[in-house]
Protein backbone atom coordinates (compact mmCIF):
# COMPACT_ATOMS: atom_id res chain seq x y z
CA MET A 1 143.90 53.03 93.67
CA SER A 2 143.95 53.43 97.67
CA GLU A 3 141.39 54.97 99.75
CA ASN A 4 143.71 57.92 100.42
CA HIS A 5 144.08 58.41 96.65
CA ALA A 6 140.27 58.52 96.21
CA VAL A 7 140.06 61.03 98.96
CA LEU A 8 142.55 63.43 97.42
CA ASN A 9 141.09 63.00 94.02
CA ARG A 10 137.69 63.85 95.50
CA LEU A 11 139.21 66.98 97.22
CA GLY A 12 140.78 68.26 93.95
CA GLU A 13 137.32 67.70 92.08
CA SER A 14 135.58 69.74 94.83
CA LEU A 15 138.12 72.38 94.90
CA ASN A 16 137.81 72.89 91.04
CA GLN A 17 134.04 72.73 91.26
CA VAL A 18 134.12 75.77 93.64
CA VAL A 19 137.10 77.80 92.53
CA VAL A 20 136.61 77.28 88.85
CA GLY A 21 139.28 78.00 86.27
CA GLN A 22 142.53 77.30 88.44
CA PRO A 23 143.16 73.48 87.89
CA ALA A 24 146.81 73.85 87.63
CA VAL A 25 146.96 75.87 91.18
CA VAL A 26 144.68 73.39 92.83
CA GLN A 27 146.98 70.51 91.67
CA GLN A 28 150.07 72.18 92.84
CA LEU A 29 148.20 72.98 96.02
CA LEU A 30 147.48 69.51 96.77
CA ILE A 31 151.11 68.52 96.09
CA ALA A 32 152.16 71.12 98.65
CA LEU A 33 149.61 69.65 101.05
CA LEU A 34 150.65 66.31 100.69
CA ALA A 35 154.58 67.37 100.97
CA GLY A 36 153.68 69.34 104.30
CA GLY A 37 155.10 72.48 102.58
CA HIS A 38 153.83 75.97 103.11
CA VAL A 39 152.72 78.07 100.08
CA ILE A 40 152.51 81.65 98.79
CA LEU A 41 149.51 82.58 96.68
CA GLU A 42 150.23 85.52 94.53
CA GLY A 43 147.73 87.30 92.15
CA VAL A 44 145.81 90.29 91.61
CA PRO A 45 142.66 91.10 93.87
CA GLY A 46 139.47 89.18 93.21
CA THR A 47 141.04 85.93 91.59
CA GLY A 48 139.91 83.53 94.46
CA LYS A 49 143.05 83.35 96.67
CA THR A 50 141.28 83.74 100.08
CA LEU A 51 138.42 81.63 98.86
CA LEU A 52 140.61 78.85 97.73
CA VAL A 53 142.20 78.56 101.23
CA LYS A 54 138.76 78.70 103.06
CA VAL A 55 137.41 76.04 100.88
CA ILE A 56 140.07 73.51 101.16
CA ALA A 57 140.03 74.13 105.17
CA THR A 58 136.15 73.22 104.99
CA LEU A 59 136.74 70.30 102.75
CA VAL A 60 139.29 68.74 105.10
CA GLN A 61 137.52 69.55 108.44
CA ALA A 62 140.58 71.43 109.53
CA ASP A 63 140.91 74.18 112.27
CA PHE A 64 141.28 77.25 110.25
CA LYS A 65 142.29 80.78 111.21
CA ARG A 66 142.97 83.84 109.34
CA VAL A 67 145.20 86.95 110.10
CA GLN A 68 144.91 90.08 108.04
CA LEU A 69 148.55 91.38 108.13
CA THR A 70 148.72 95.30 108.25
CA PRO A 71 151.65 97.47 109.01
CA ASP A 72 150.44 97.85 112.68
CA ILE A 73 150.42 94.17 113.35
CA LEU A 74 152.79 93.01 116.13
CA PRO A 75 154.58 89.59 116.38
CA ALA A 76 152.47 88.93 119.56
CA ASP A 77 149.35 89.40 117.51
CA ILE A 78 150.44 86.14 115.51
CA THR A 79 152.07 84.12 118.15
CA GLY A 80 150.22 85.08 121.33
CA THR A 81 151.45 86.40 124.64
CA ASN A 82 151.09 85.89 128.48
CA ILE A 83 148.60 88.13 130.18
CA LEU A 84 148.36 88.92 133.72
CA ASP A 85 145.07 87.76 135.57
CA PHE A 86 144.60 90.44 138.22
CA ASN A 87 142.37 88.17 140.20
CA ASN A 88 144.69 85.18 140.52
CA ARG A 89 147.91 87.16 140.28
CA THR A 90 149.23 84.72 137.66
CA PHE A 91 149.95 84.83 133.95
CA ILE A 92 147.56 83.13 131.44
CA LEU A 93 148.92 82.23 128.04
CA LYS A 94 146.77 83.81 125.25
CA LYS A 95 147.38 81.85 122.08
CA GLY A 96 147.56 83.76 118.66
CA PRO A 97 146.05 82.59 115.60
CA VAL A 98 149.29 80.59 114.62
CA PHE A 99 147.91 77.78 116.94
CA THR A 100 145.80 76.18 114.11
CA GLN A 101 145.92 73.57 111.53
CA ILE A 102 145.48 75.81 108.44
CA LEU A 103 146.63 79.50 108.79
CA LEU A 104 145.92 81.94 106.12
CA ALA A 105 148.53 84.85 106.40
CA ASP A 106 146.56 87.41 104.26
CA GLU A 107 148.65 90.01 102.28
CA ILE A 108 151.89 88.78 103.96
CA ASN A 109 153.96 91.51 102.40
CA ARG A 110 151.92 94.37 103.93
CA THR A 111 153.42 93.65 107.53
CA PRO A 112 156.97 94.67 108.54
CA PRO A 113 159.91 92.24 108.60
CA LYS A 114 159.77 91.95 112.49
CA THR A 115 156.26 90.73 112.26
CA GLN A 116 156.97 88.30 109.25
CA ALA A 117 159.85 86.89 111.27
CA ALA A 118 157.27 85.71 113.89
CA LEU A 119 156.26 83.04 111.31
CA LEU A 120 159.91 81.67 110.90
CA GLU A 121 160.16 79.29 113.89
CA ALA A 122 156.50 78.12 113.37
CA MET A 123 157.11 77.24 109.68
CA GLU A 124 160.60 75.66 110.10
CA GLU A 125 160.10 73.75 113.34
CA GLN A 126 156.53 73.67 113.89
CA GLN A 127 156.74 75.22 117.36
CA VAL A 128 156.40 78.64 118.88
CA THR A 129 158.57 80.01 121.77
CA LEU A 130 156.84 82.31 124.16
CA ASP A 131 158.76 83.75 127.19
CA GLY A 132 161.07 80.96 127.02
CA GLU A 133 158.58 78.23 126.72
CA THR A 134 158.39 76.08 123.69
CA LEU A 135 154.94 75.19 122.56
CA PRO A 136 154.31 72.57 119.75
CA LEU A 137 151.83 73.39 116.95
CA PRO A 138 149.46 70.79 115.68
CA GLU A 139 150.75 67.83 113.35
CA LEU A 140 148.94 69.30 110.53
CA PHE A 141 150.17 72.95 110.52
CA TRP A 142 150.02 74.77 107.18
CA VAL A 143 150.74 78.15 106.32
CA ILE A 144 149.22 79.86 103.08
CA ALA A 145 150.17 83.32 102.55
CA THR A 146 148.66 85.53 100.05
CA GLN A 147 150.06 88.79 98.27
CA ASN A 148 149.12 91.07 95.57
CA SER A 149 151.27 91.06 92.47
CA LEU A 150 150.62 94.57 91.46
CA GLU A 151 150.85 96.79 94.43
CA PHE A 152 154.38 97.77 95.74
CA GLU A 153 153.61 100.87 97.60
CA GLY A 154 153.39 100.30 101.43
CA THR A 155 154.68 96.73 101.23
CA TYR A 156 157.55 94.84 102.64
CA PRO A 157 159.19 92.37 100.36
CA LEU A 158 159.79 89.03 102.14
CA PRO A 159 163.58 88.25 102.92
CA GLU A 160 165.16 85.36 100.98
CA ALA A 161 165.38 83.53 104.33
CA GLN A 162 161.67 83.50 104.80
CA LEU A 163 160.90 83.03 101.14
CA ASP A 164 163.01 79.74 101.30
CA ARG A 165 160.70 78.26 104.03
CA PHE A 166 157.85 78.43 101.61
CA LEU A 167 157.64 75.19 99.44
CA PHE A 168 155.73 76.81 96.59
CA LYS A 169 154.87 80.17 95.15
CA LEU A 170 151.82 79.73 93.09
CA ILE A 171 150.61 82.14 90.57
CA VAL A 172 146.82 82.63 90.55
CA ASP A 173 145.91 84.14 87.11
CA TYR A 174 142.64 85.29 85.64
CA PRO A 175 140.56 82.23 84.63
CA ASP A 176 139.65 81.75 81.02
CA GLN A 177 136.41 82.96 79.52
CA ASN A 178 134.51 79.56 79.99
CA SER A 179 135.54 79.21 83.52
CA GLU A 180 134.49 82.85 84.16
CA LYS A 181 131.18 82.10 82.79
CA GLN A 182 130.75 79.14 85.02
CA MET A 183 131.50 81.24 88.03
CA LEU A 184 128.82 83.67 87.02
CA LEU A 185 126.35 80.66 86.56
CA ASN A 186 127.26 79.34 89.99
CA ARG A 187 126.59 82.68 91.50
CA GLN A 188 123.34 82.99 89.59
CA ALA A 189 122.35 79.36 90.80
CA GLY A 190 122.71 80.81 94.45
CA PHE A 191 126.18 79.90 95.53
CA GLY A 192 127.72 82.31 97.88
CA THR A 193 131.31 82.54 98.99
CA LYS A 194 130.83 84.71 102.08
CA ARG A 195 129.22 81.93 104.13
CA LEU A 196 130.85 78.56 103.19
CA ASP A 197 129.01 76.97 106.20
CA ILE A 198 125.63 77.46 104.47
CA ALA A 199 126.80 76.89 100.97
CA GLN A 200 125.87 73.22 101.40
CA MET A 201 129.66 72.47 101.10
CA LYS A 202 130.43 68.63 102.33
CA SER A 203 133.65 67.71 103.58
CA VAL A 204 135.37 65.12 101.54
CA ALA A 205 138.43 64.23 103.74
CA THR A 206 139.67 64.37 107.27
CA VAL A 207 142.89 65.79 108.91
CA GLU A 208 143.69 62.10 109.86
CA GLN A 209 143.47 61.08 106.16
CA ILE A 210 145.82 63.94 105.02
CA ILE A 211 148.50 62.74 107.75
CA GLN A 212 148.15 59.11 106.52
CA ALA A 213 148.58 60.21 102.86
CA ARG A 214 151.73 62.08 104.01
CA GLU A 215 153.23 58.99 105.45
CA GLN A 216 152.56 57.06 102.28
CA VAL A 217 154.36 59.94 100.32
CA LYS A 218 157.40 59.39 102.35
CA ALA A 219 157.56 55.80 101.33
CA ILE A 220 157.73 56.74 97.50
CA GLN A 221 160.84 55.20 95.94
CA VAL A 222 163.60 57.61 94.26
CA SER A 223 166.31 55.97 92.35
CA GLU A 224 169.90 57.19 92.69
CA LYS A 225 169.70 58.31 88.96
CA ILE A 226 166.89 60.58 89.85
CA ILE A 227 168.62 62.16 93.05
CA ASP A 228 171.74 62.71 90.78
CA TYR A 229 169.29 64.46 88.21
CA LEU A 230 167.78 66.63 90.96
CA LEU A 231 171.20 67.47 92.27
CA GLU A 232 172.57 68.33 88.90
CA LEU A 233 169.64 70.78 88.39
CA VAL A 234 170.29 72.57 91.72
CA ARG A 235 174.01 72.93 90.95
CA THR A 236 173.32 74.24 87.48
CA SER A 237 170.94 77.06 88.97
CA ARG A 238 173.89 77.96 91.34
CA GLN A 239 176.12 78.33 88.10
CA HIS A 240 173.42 79.92 85.72
CA PRO A 241 174.78 83.14 83.98
CA ASP A 242 171.60 85.11 84.70
CA LEU A 243 171.18 84.36 88.25
CA ALA A 244 172.66 86.01 91.33
CA LEU A 245 171.41 83.36 93.70
CA GLY A 246 170.79 79.74 92.84
CA GLY A 247 168.95 76.86 94.62
CA SER A 248 169.77 76.33 98.35
CA PRO A 249 170.46 72.95 99.95
CA ARG A 250 166.87 73.44 101.54
CA SER A 251 165.44 73.88 98.19
CA ALA A 252 166.97 70.45 97.07
CA VAL A 253 165.28 68.88 99.99
CA ALA A 254 162.07 70.37 99.15
CA TRP A 255 162.29 69.46 95.63
CA LEU A 256 162.75 65.89 96.41
CA GLN A 257 159.84 66.04 98.88
CA SER A 258 157.38 67.68 96.39
CA SER A 259 158.52 65.27 93.70
CA LYS A 260 157.59 62.47 95.76
CA ALA A 261 153.99 63.93 96.55
CA SER A 262 153.44 64.50 92.74
CA ALA A 263 154.43 60.97 92.17
CA TRP A 264 152.06 59.69 94.82
CA LEU A 265 149.41 62.05 93.51
CA SER A 266 149.66 60.51 90.00
CA GLY A 267 149.21 56.81 91.46
CA ARG A 268 152.83 55.90 91.16
CA ASP A 269 155.26 54.46 94.01
CA TYR A 270 158.33 55.98 92.29
CA VAL A 271 159.50 59.44 91.12
CA THR A 272 160.15 60.09 87.50
CA PRO A 273 161.88 62.84 85.68
CA ASP A 274 158.51 64.36 85.02
CA ASP A 275 157.71 64.66 88.66
CA ILE A 276 161.03 66.70 89.05
CA LYS A 277 160.05 68.94 86.17
CA VAL A 278 156.45 69.51 87.11
CA VAL A 279 157.17 70.95 90.49
CA ALA A 280 160.23 73.07 89.37
CA PRO A 281 158.42 76.43 88.34
CA PRO A 282 156.52 76.78 91.71
CA LEU A 283 159.36 75.51 93.77
CA LEU A 284 162.18 77.76 92.23
CA ARG A 285 160.33 80.95 91.19
CA HIS A 286 160.64 82.62 94.65
CA ARG A 287 164.08 81.08 95.51
CA LEU A 288 166.08 82.16 92.59
CA ILE A 289 167.20 85.85 92.10
CA LEU A 290 167.95 87.28 88.77
CA LYS A 291 171.01 89.48 88.20
CA PRO A 292 170.43 93.25 87.64
CA GLU A 293 171.39 93.07 84.02
CA ALA A 294 169.01 90.20 83.35
CA LEU A 295 166.24 92.19 85.09
CA LEU A 296 167.01 95.19 82.72
CA ASP A 297 167.00 92.87 79.70
CA GLY A 298 163.40 91.91 80.79
CA LEU A 299 164.24 88.17 81.32
CA MET A 300 161.43 86.23 82.95
CA MET A 301 162.17 83.92 85.82
CA GLU A 302 159.80 81.25 84.10
CA ALA A 303 162.44 81.24 81.09
CA VAL A 304 165.35 80.87 83.32
CA ILE A 305 163.72 77.91 85.07
CA GLY A 306 163.13 76.29 81.72
CA SER A 307 166.80 77.00 80.63
CA ILE A 308 167.97 75.23 83.83
CA LEU A 309 165.65 72.23 82.96
CA ASP A 310 166.96 72.11 79.35
CA ARG A 311 170.64 72.32 80.38
CA VAL A 312 170.46 68.86 82.42
CA ALA A 313 170.21 65.72 80.45
CA VAL A 314 167.27 63.55 81.67
CA PRO A 315 168.23 60.27 82.81
CA ARG A 316 166.89 57.18 81.22
């Protein structure tokens, strides 16, 4: 096992120690980090979504900024703006919170589409254009957005164009009974989540090591049979009788990218069909759209994704 593998394993272990009861979410979050893809965390309040992001930023020594998205937030509040300096009679660029390495966009569906769109260029092209000037973002630029799965009043659903720019949508559910008990024991032992800097949390990785690991992920081998298998899955999603919208070409690229990250995290230098399958639910659940009649029948998206995987023969 390489040094970077050991670093990522320690990162996962440390995350699971702090955010207990969410091992699947932690694993998928690490895959997204290695693949360089942005993430939506969806769950009811109090399940540790914000804590998870703050902890991972602390553990990798990354610059971290949080923006609380509300209906009155403007695009300039995210990207920044030029401000007139009356003393020098010149404009000074005041950068917004988007100029960071890890950005937490808290409750992204509470801000209007115009403000949501302020993140589109940053997420897709890793740059921001202000008054005609294009400014690059850090090499490690990672957006993690949160949203409440229960509240619909006063929210603005993300358009498909923006949803497609998120690599994964992760569902943060309630922990099991043993995990919730461990959480209470941790709190009783003195661990506090409000000030992570004084909670004796030690960094286990650096931004440079994450970037090195990403380069190693790019070198993972993918056979032509696996590529054909992935393409057949995407095309099957477009022809599925219960779907109004299937996977886009961007989703196919993202699927390949995240499958390679899954293989690397498993200690392999090649992608298997299992890597394709394991990333399918978080990668597809926010990209596919059910037909109205399927919604009326109570069909769940997870069942449709399982149906797509079952319809395509696994290559040997």
